[in-house]
Amino acid sequence: MEFLAYLAPVAFVFSLSAIAQASAQKKEIENLKNELEKLKQQFL
């Protein structure tokens, strides 16, 4: 059972990394939405 205590910090780091990647993906999606809206306005 002690090995679980050793894995907890590693799991925490991986979870922080996943949260950071999700945030970056969300920001990229927002940028793409804005770009798509600009293109729609340009061609319509």
PDB file of N, CA and C in Angstrom:
ATOM      1  N   MET A   1       0.812  -1.202   0.000  1.00  0.00           N
ATOM      2  CA  MET A   1       0.000   0.000   0.000  1.00  0.00           C
ATOM      3  C   MET A   1       0.854   1.265   0.000  1.00  0.00           C
ATOM      4  N   GLU A   2       2.086   1.148   0.434  1.00  0.00           N
ATOM      5  CA  GLU A   2       2.932   2.339   0.481  1.00  0.00           C
ATOM      6  C   GLU A   2       3.254   2.876  -0.912  1.00  0.00           C
ATOM      7  N   PHE A   3       3.253   1.979  -1.899  1.00  0.00           N
ATOM      8  CA  PHE A   3       3.585   2.433  -3.254  1.00  0.00           C
ATOM      9  C   PHE A   3       2.548   3.415  -3.778  1.00  0.00           C
ATOM     10  N   LEU A   4       1.320   3.364  -3.272  1.00  0.00           N
ATOM     11  CA  LEU A   4       0.310   4.334  -3.691  1.00  0.00           C
ATOM     12  C   LEU A   4       0.690   5.749  -3.257  1.00  0.00           C
ATOM     13  N   ALA A   5       1.311   5.847  -2.112  1.00  0.00           N
ATOM     14  CA  ALA A   5       1.744   7.156  -1.629  1.00  0.00           C
ATOM     15  C   ALA A   5       2.836   7.729  -2.529  1.00  0.00           C
ATOM     16  N   TYR A   6       3.645   6.856  -3.103  1.00  0.00           N
ATOM     17  CA  TYR A   6       4.698   7.330  -4.004  1.00  0.00           C
ATOM     18  C   TYR A   6       4.131   7.745  -5.361  1.00  0.00           C
ATOM     19  N   LEU A   7       3.017   7.160  -5.752  1.00  0.00           N
ATOM     20  CA  LEU A   7       2.421   7.482  -7.049  1.00  0.00           C
ATOM     21  C   LEU A   7       1.569   8.753  -7.008  1.00  0.00           C
ATOM     22  N   ALA A   8       1.154   9.168  -5.838  1.00  0.00           N
ATOM     23  CA  ALA A   8       0.281  10.330  -5.724  1.00  0.00           C
ATOM     24  C   ALA A   8       0.903  11.609  -6.301  1.00  0.00           C
ATOM     25  N   PRO A   9       2.152  11.940  -5.995  1.00  0.00           N
ATOM     26  CA  PRO A   9       2.730  13.163  -6.591  1.00  0.00           C
ATOM     27  C   PRO A   9       2.820  13.089  -8.118  1.00  0.00           C
ATOM     28  N   VAL A  10       3.129  11.923  -8.641  1.00  0.00           N
ATOM     29  CA  VAL A  10       3.219  11.758 -10.088  1.00  0.00           C
ATOM     30  C   VAL A  10       1.840  11.955 -10.711  1.00  0.00           C
ATOM     31  N   ALA A  11       0.825  11.382 -10.100  1.00  0.00           N
ATOM     32  CA  ALA A  11      -0.536  11.545 -10.606  1.00  0.00           C
ATOM     33  C   ALA A  11      -0.954  13.012 -10.553  1.00  0.00           C
ATOM     34  N   PHE A  12      -0.542  13.701  -9.507  1.00  0.00           N
ATOM     35  CA  PHE A  12      -0.859  15.125  -9.375  1.00  0.00           C
ATOM     36  C   PHE A  12      -0.223  15.932 -10.497  1.00  0.00           C
ATOM     37  N   VAL A  13       1.030  15.658 -10.809  1.00  0.00           N
ATOM     38  CA  VAL A  13       1.729  16.369 -11.886  1.00  0.00           C
ATOM     39  C   VAL A  13       1.049  16.091 -13.222  1.00  0.00           C
ATOM     40  N   PHE A  14       0.686  14.836 -13.464  1.00  0.00           N
ATOM     41  CA  PHE A  14       0.000  14.502 -14.712  1.00  0.00           C
ATOM     42  C   PHE A  14      -1.354  15.197 -14.800  1.00  0.00           C
ATOM     43  N   SER A  15      -2.046  15.303 -13.680  1.00  0.00           N
ATOM     44  CA  SER A  15      -3.345  15.974 -13.708  1.00  0.00           C
ATOM     45  C   SER A  15      -3.180  17.467 -13.995  1.00  0.00           C
ATOM     46  N   LEU A  16      -2.154  18.085 -13.431  1.00  0.00           N
ATOM     47  CA  LEU A  16      -1.893  19.498 -13.730  1.00  0.00           C
ATOM     48  C   LEU A  16      -1.557  19.688 -15.206  1.00  0.00           C
ATOM     49  N   SER A  17      -0.795  18.765 -15.750  1.00  0.00           N
ATOM     50  CA  SER A  17      -0.452  18.833 -17.165  1.00  0.00           C
ATOM     51  C   SER A  17      -1.699  18.697 -18.029  1.00  0.00           C
ATOM     52  N   ALA A  18      -2.583  17.792 -17.665  1.00  0.00           N
ATOM     53  CA  ALA A  18      -3.817  17.594 -18.428  1.00  0.00           C
ATOM     54  C   ALA A  18      -4.703  18.838 -18.363  1.00  0.00           C
ATOM     55  N   ILE A  19      -4.776  19.453 -17.207  1.00  0.00           N
ATOM     56  CA  ILE A  19      -5.575  20.674 -17.060  1.00  0.00           C
ATOM     57  C   ILE A  19      -4.988  21.796 -17.921  1.00  0.00           C
ATOM     58  N   ALA A  20      -3.671  21.905 -17.937  1.00  0.00           N
ATOM     59  CA  ALA A  20      -3.025  22.937 -18.742  1.00  0.00           C
ATOM     60  C   ALA A  20      -3.271  22.701 -20.226  1.00  0.00           C
ATOM     61  N   GLN A  21      -3.204  21.439 -20.653  1.00  0.00           N
ATOM     62  CA  GLN A  21      -3.448  21.139 -22.065  1.00  0.00           C
ATOM     63  C   GLN A  21      -4.897  21.410 -22.428  1.00  0.00           C
ATOM     64  N   ALA A  22      -5.819  21.073 -21.558  1.00  0.00           N
ATOM     65  CA  ALA A  22      -7.236  21.336 -21.831  1.00  0.00           C
ATOM     66  C   ALA A  22      -7.486  22.837 -21.942  1.00  0.00           C
ATOM     67  N   SER A  23      -6.838  23.600 -21.098  1.00  0.00           N
ATOM     68  CA  SER A  23      -6.979  25.054 -21.151  1.00  0.00           C
ATOM     69  C   SER A  23      -6.425  25.608 -22.461  1.00  0.00           C
ATOM     70  N   ALA A  24      -5.291  25.089 -22.883  1.00  0.00           N
ATOM     71  CA  ALA A  24      -4.697  25.541 -24.140  1.00  0.00           C
ATOM     72  C   ALA A  24      -5.591  25.171 -25.321  1.00  0.00           C
ATOM     73  N   GLN A  25      -6.180  23.984 -25.277  1.00  0.00           N
ATOM     74  CA  GLN A  25      -7.084  23.562 -26.344  1.00  0.00           C
ATOM     75  C   GLN A  25      -8.323  24.456 -26.387  1.00  0.00           C
ATOM     76  N   LYS A  26      -8.838  24.802 -25.223  1.00  0.00           N
ATOM     77  CA  LYS A  26     -10.014  25.664 -25.161  1.00  0.00           C
ATOM     78  C   LYS A  26      -9.699  27.033 -25.762  1.00  0.00           C
ATOM     79  N   LYS A  27      -8.529  27.559 -25.443  1.00  0.00           N
ATOM     80  CA  LYS A  27      -8.120  28.851 -25.979  1.00  0.00           C
ATOM     81  C   LYS A  27      -7.966  28.774 -27.495  1.00  0.00           C
ATOM     82  N   GLU A  28      -7.394  27.688 -27.999  1.00  0.00           N
ATOM     83  CA  GLU A  28      -7.219  27.512 -29.436  1.00  0.00           C
ATOM     84  C   GLU A  28      -8.571  27.408 -30.135  1.00  0.00           C
ATOM     85  N   ILE A  29      -9.520  26.713 -29.529  1.00  0.00           N
ATOM     86  CA  ILE A  29     -10.860  26.602 -30.110  1.00  0.00           C
ATOM     87  C   ILE A  29     -11.528  27.972 -30.177  1.00  0.00           C
ATOM     88  N   GLU A  30     -11.374  28.778 -29.152  1.00  0.00           N
ATOM     89  CA  GLU A  30     -11.937  30.123 -29.170  1.00  0.00           C
ATOM     90  C   GLU A  30     -11.318  30.957 -30.288  1.00  0.00           C
ATOM     91  N   ASN A  31     -10.005  30.840 -30.467  1.00  0.00           N
ATOM     92  CA  ASN A  31      -9.341  31.572 -31.550  1.00  0.00           C
ATOM     93  C   ASN A  31      -9.872  31.123 -32.907  1.00  0.00           C
ATOM     94  N   LEU A  32     -10.049  29.819 -33.079  1.00  0.00           N
ATOM     95  CA  LEU A  32     -10.563  29.312 -34.350  1.00  0.00           C
ATOM     96  C   LEU A  32     -12.001  29.753 -34.594  1.00  0.00           C
ATOM     97  N   LYS A  33     -12.811  29.809 -33.538  1.00  0.00           N
ATOM     98  CA  LYS A  33     -14.180  30.305 -33.688  1.00  0.00           C
ATOM     99  C   LYS A  33     -14.190  31.750 -34.146  1.00  0.00           C
ATOM    100  N   ASN A  34     -13.333  32.563 -33.550  1.00  0.00           N
ATOM    101  CA  ASN A  34     -13.251  33.977 -33.941  1.00  0.00           C
ATOM    102  C   ASN A  34     -12.798  34.115 -35.388  1.00  0.00           C
ATOM    103  N   GLU A  35     -11.824  33.317 -35.771  1.00  0.00           N
ATOM    104  CA  GLU A  35     -11.330  33.366 -37.146  1.00  0.00           C
ATOM    105  C   GLU A  35     -12.413  32.924 -38.128  1.00  0.00           C
ATOM    106  N   LEU A  36     -13.180  31.915 -37.754  1.00  0.00           N
ATOM    107  CA  LEU A  36     -14.263  31.441 -38.605  1.00  0.00           C
ATOM    108  C   LEU A  36     -15.338  32.512 -38.772  1.00  0.00           C
ATOM    109  N   GLU A  37     -15.664  33.209 -37.701  1.00  0.00           N
ATOM    110  CA  GLU A  37     -16.643  34.287 -37.779  1.00  0.00           C
ATOM    111  C   GLU A  37     -16.157  35.402 -38.703  1.00  0.00           C
ATOM    112  N   LYS A  38     -14.870  35.740 -38.622  1.00  0.00           N
ATOM    113  CA  LYS A  38     -14.312  36.767 -39.507  1.00  0.00           C
ATOM    114  C   LYS A  38     -14.428  36.338 -40.965  1.00  0.00           C
ATOM    115  N   LEU A  39     -14.115  35.068 -41.235  1.00  0.00           N
ATOM    116  CA  LEU A  39     -14.217  34.576 -42.601  1.00  0.00           C
ATOM    117  C   LEU A  39     -15.658  34.548 -43.101  1.00  0.00           C
ATOM    118  N   LYS A  40     -16.590  34.205 -42.223  1.00  0.00           N
ATOM    119  CA  LYS A  40     -17.999  34.216 -42.605  1.00  0.00           C
ATOM    120  C   LYS A  40     -18.428  35.620 -42.982  1.00  0.00           C
ATOM    121  N   GLN A  41     -18.047  36.605 -42.194  1.00  0.00           N
ATOM    122  CA  GLN A  41     -18.416  37.989 -42.479  1.00  0.00           C
ATOM    123  C   GLN A  41     -17.763  38.488 -43.758  1.00  0.00           C
ATOM    124  N   GLN A  42     -16.555  38.012 -44.029  1.00  0.00           N
ATOM    125  CA  GLN A  42     -15.842  38.460 -45.216  1.00  0.00           C
ATOM    126  C   GLN A  42     -16.489  37.946 -46.495  1.00  0.00           C
ATOM    127  N   PHE A  43     -16.984  36.703 -46.465  1.00  0.00           N
ATOM    128  CA  PHE A  43     -17.502  36.089 -47.669  1.00  0.00           C
ATOM    129  C   PHE A  43     -19.015  36.147 -47.797  1.00  0.00           C
ATOM    130  N   LEU A  44     -19.699  36.622 -46.786  1.00  0.00           N
ATOM    131  CA  LEU A  44     -21.169  36.713 -46.879  1.00  0.00           C
ATOM    132  C   LEU A  44     -21.657  38.124 -47.057  1.00  0.00           C
TER     133      LEU A  44
END
